[in-house]
Protein backbone atom coordinates (compact mmCIF):
# COMPACT_ATOMS: atom_id res chain seq x y z
CA MET A 1 -1.08 17.21 8.85
CA LEU A 2 -4.86 17.09 7.65
CA LEU A 3 -4.13 18.76 4.33
CA PHE A 4 -0.70 15.67 4.00
CA VAL A 5 -3.52 13.32 4.67
CA VAL A 6 -6.25 14.49 2.41
CA ALA A 7 -3.38 14.86 -0.25
CA ALA A 8 -2.52 11.20 0.20
CA THR A 9 -6.18 10.21 -0.36
CA VAL A 10 -6.37 11.88 -3.48
CA VAL A 11 -3.22 9.90 -4.72
CA ALA A 12 -4.60 6.90 -3.14
CA ALA A 13 -7.71 7.54 -5.53
CA ALA A 14 -6.19 8.82 -8.95
CA ALA A 15 -3.80 5.38 -8.44
CA ALA A 16 -6.93 3.37 -7.60
CA TRP A 17 -8.80 4.39 -10.55
CA THR A 18 -5.65 4.02 -13.14
CA ASP A 19 -5.53 0.45 -11.11
CA PHE A 20 -9.12 -0.58 -11.63
CA ARG A 21 -8.96 0.72 -15.32
CA THR A 22 -5.47 -0.70 -16.29
CA GLY A 23 -4.27 -2.88 -13.50
CA HIS A 24 -0.88 -0.76 -13.41
CA ILE A 25 -0.18 2.47 -11.39
CA PRO A 26 2.13 4.64 -13.11
CA ASN A 27 4.96 6.14 -11.78
CA TRP A 28 3.22 9.52 -12.80
CA ILE A 29 1.17 8.80 -9.81
CA THR A 30 3.22 7.93 -7.25
CA LEU A 31 6.67 9.20 -7.60
CA PRO A 32 6.13 12.77 -7.36
CA PRO A 33 4.39 13.07 -4.15
CA ILE A 34 7.09 11.26 -2.03
CA ALA A 35 9.55 14.17 -2.93
CA ALA A 36 6.78 16.51 -2.74
CA ALA A 37 5.88 15.18 1.06
CA VAL A 38 9.38 15.38 1.71
CA VAL A 39 10.10 18.78 1.14
CA ALA A 40 6.82 19.68 2.06
CA HIS A 41 7.33 18.48 5.56
CA SER A 42 10.97 19.99 5.26
CA VAL A 43 9.28 23.78 4.82
CA LEU A 44 7.15 23.23 6.90
CA GLY A 45 9.30 22.05 9.54
CA ILE A 46 11.21 25.17 8.94
CA TRP A 47 8.46 27.65 8.66
CA ARG A 48 7.57 26.32 12.32
CA GLU A 49 10.19 26.09 14.60
CA GLY A 50 13.65 25.92 11.96
CA VAL A 51 15.97 24.42 10.40
CA THR A 52 16.63 21.54 12.79
CA ALA A 53 12.60 21.49 13.14
CA GLY A 54 12.72 21.23 8.98
CA VAL A 55 15.45 18.63 8.58
CA VAL A 56 13.59 16.25 11.06
CA ALA A 57 10.36 16.91 9.80
CA ALA A 58 11.93 15.81 6.35
CA GLY A 59 13.94 12.91 8.10
CA THR A 60 10.63 11.96 9.70
CA SER A 61 8.59 11.66 6.17
CA LEU A 62 11.23 9.81 4.73
CA GLY A 63 11.12 7.69 7.73
CA GLY A 64 7.35 7.11 6.58
CA VAL A 65 8.27 5.96 3.67
CA ALA A 66 11.12 3.05 5.03
CA LEU A 67 8.57 2.10 7.59
CA CYS A 68 5.03 1.80 5.18
CA VAL A 69 7.36 -0.20 2.43
CA LEU A 70 8.85 -3.06 5.09
CA MET A 71 5.88 -5.56 4.48
CA PRO A 72 4.69 -4.86 0.93
CA ALA A 73 8.83 -4.92 -0.01
CA VAL A 74 8.41 -8.51 1.65
CA MET A 75 5.20 -9.29 -0.83
CA TRP A 76 6.46 -7.65 -3.81
CA TRP A 77 9.85 -9.70 -3.38
CA MET A 78 8.05 -13.28 -2.92
CA GLY A 79 5.34 -11.51 -6.17
CA ALA A 80 2.16 -11.44 -4.27
CA MET A 81 2.32 -7.38 -4.74
CA GLY A 82 2.94 -5.40 -7.63
CA GLY A 83 5.83 -2.10 -7.90
CA GLY A 84 3.17 0.24 -7.98
CA ASP A 85 0.98 -0.32 -4.95
CA LEU A 86 4.69 -0.56 -2.71
CA LYS A 87 5.12 2.78 -4.72
CA LEU A 88 1.88 3.81 -3.69
CA PHE A 89 2.28 3.30 0.39
CA ALA A 90 5.76 4.67 -0.21
CA ALA A 91 3.68 7.54 -1.43
CA ILE A 92 1.23 7.35 1.84
CA GLY A 93 4.15 7.04 4.24
CA ALA A 94 5.75 10.13 2.93
CA LEU A 95 2.96 12.22 3.01
CA CYS A 96 1.31 11.02 6.26
CA LEU A 97 4.01 10.19 8.21
CA PRO A 98 5.02 6.76 9.91
CA MET A 99 2.11 6.28 12.01
CA LEU A 100 -0.83 7.61 9.78
CA GLY A 101 0.81 5.84 6.83
CA ILE A 102 0.92 2.31 8.69
CA GLU A 103 -2.51 3.02 9.96
CA ALA A 104 -3.89 3.26 6.39
CA GLU A 105 -1.40 0.34 5.31
CA LEU A 106 -3.15 -1.70 8.48
CA TYR A 107 -6.97 -0.58 6.61
CA ALA A 108 -5.73 -1.29 3.14
CA PHE A 109 -4.72 -5.39 3.60
CA VAL A 110 -8.07 -5.51 5.67
CA VAL A 111 -10.14 -3.92 2.85
CA ALA A 112 -8.41 -6.41 0.49
CA ALA A 113 -9.02 -9.68 3.27
CA LEU A 114 -12.88 -8.74 3.19
CA VAL A 115 -13.06 -7.47 -0.63
CA ALA A 116 -10.86 -10.39 -2.02
CA PRO A 117 -12.67 -14.35 -0.81
CA ALA A 118 -15.85 -12.02 -1.95
CA GLN A 119 -15.26 -11.03 -5.15
CA LEU A 120 -12.92 -14.55 -5.63
CA ALA A 121 -16.34 -16.52 -4.84
CA TYR A 122 -18.63 -14.26 -6.97
CA ARG A 123 -16.73 -15.34 -10.02
CA GLY A 124 -16.77 -19.14 -8.70
CA GLN A 125 -12.74 -19.05 -8.01
CA LEU A 126 -12.79 -19.29 -3.97
CA PHE A 127 -12.13 -23.00 -3.85
CA PRO A 128 -9.41 -23.14 -6.60
CA VAL A 129 -7.60 -20.45 -5.19
CA LEU A 130 -7.85 -21.60 -1.46
CA LYS A 131 -6.39 -25.42 -2.77
CA ASN A 132 -3.36 -23.41 -4.72
CA SER A 133 -3.01 -20.83 -2.12
CA LEU A 134 -2.80 -23.93 0.79
CA ALA A 135 -0.12 -26.16 -1.87
CA LEU A 136 2.24 -22.33 -1.55
CA ALA A 137 2.17 -22.04 1.61
CA PHE A 138 2.82 -25.73 2.68
CA ASN A 139 5.81 -25.80 0.17
CA PRO A 140 8.74 -24.37 2.19
CA LEU A 141 7.62 -27.40 4.48
CA ARG A 142 7.86 -30.24 2.09
CA LYS A 143 11.01 -31.81 0.88
CA LYS A 144 12.75 -30.59 -2.77
CA SER A 145 11.30 -34.00 -4.00
CA ALA A 146 7.36 -33.21 -3.19
CA LYS A 147 7.48 -29.69 -3.77
CA ARG A 148 3.76 -29.26 -6.23
CA GLU A 149 4.34 -26.66 -8.71
CA VAL A 150 1.19 -24.47 -8.96
CA PRO A 151 0.61 -22.91 -13.24
CA PRO A 152 0.70 -19.37 -13.97
CA GLU A 153 -2.63 -19.97 -15.30
CA MET A 154 -3.72 -20.81 -11.51
CA MET A 155 -2.34 -18.00 -9.51
CA THR A 156 -4.92 -15.03 -9.48
CA TRP A 157 -3.89 -11.67 -9.26
CA PHE A 158 -5.79 -8.90 -6.97
CA ARG A 159 -5.34 -5.03 -8.08
CA LEU A 160 -4.64 -3.62 -4.44
CA GLY A 161 -4.97 0.01 -5.47
CA PRO A 162 -8.71 0.21 -4.69
CA ALA A 163 -8.31 -1.32 -1.17
CA ILE A 164 -5.57 1.26 -1.15
CA PHE A 165 -7.78 3.58 -1.45
CA VAL A 166 -10.34 2.72 1.12
CA GLY A 167 -8.15 2.54 3.33
CA MET A 168 -6.77 5.66 2.85
CA LEU A 169 -10.30 7.02 2.94
CA LEU A 170 -10.91 5.31 6.36
CA THR A 171 -7.75 6.94 7.47
CA CYS A 172 -8.74 10.70 6.37
CA ILE A 173 -12.25 9.70 7.84
CA VAL A 174 -10.76 8.61 10.95
CA HIS A 175 -8.87 11.57 11.49
CA LEU A 176 -10.75 14.26 10.40
CA TYR A 177 -13.50 13.25 13.21
CA ASP A 178 -10.55 13.07 15.62
CA ARG A 179 -10.00 16.61 15.20
């Protein structure tokens, strides 16, 4: 399993690098590892215990994809996350399987929750962003005529790829010492 965790960390590193430099995580970084992970888990299951275990392993890998994209898919649908980040979480879920994939996702969101306010404060944008966030959070509770529109130029985008990499790296370190 450690090999899959290391592979997910390498994929996350490549995605973080391109996201940091371009603000985009390309499909060629995220989609091939999803397919390769399902096939590799299946082959490994067949090699170790037979065809039934291979089918179960492939299903578990696909389950990792499904579980690891649940919350990010909602965030993507609401416009709070990019599609590349979503596909990166899918790749991590396929490689690491559900439990480790969710663990890496949790670490990534904790890192993002710590880094984002510090980054905004450094840029001098923390208080305007908090004001806009409160306006967006309370909009669903307001009457239709009282809803506030937040102009697109006041929205702040955060590159999540580096935080996902750090979350994956933490997962790798934790499970390296867990052996």
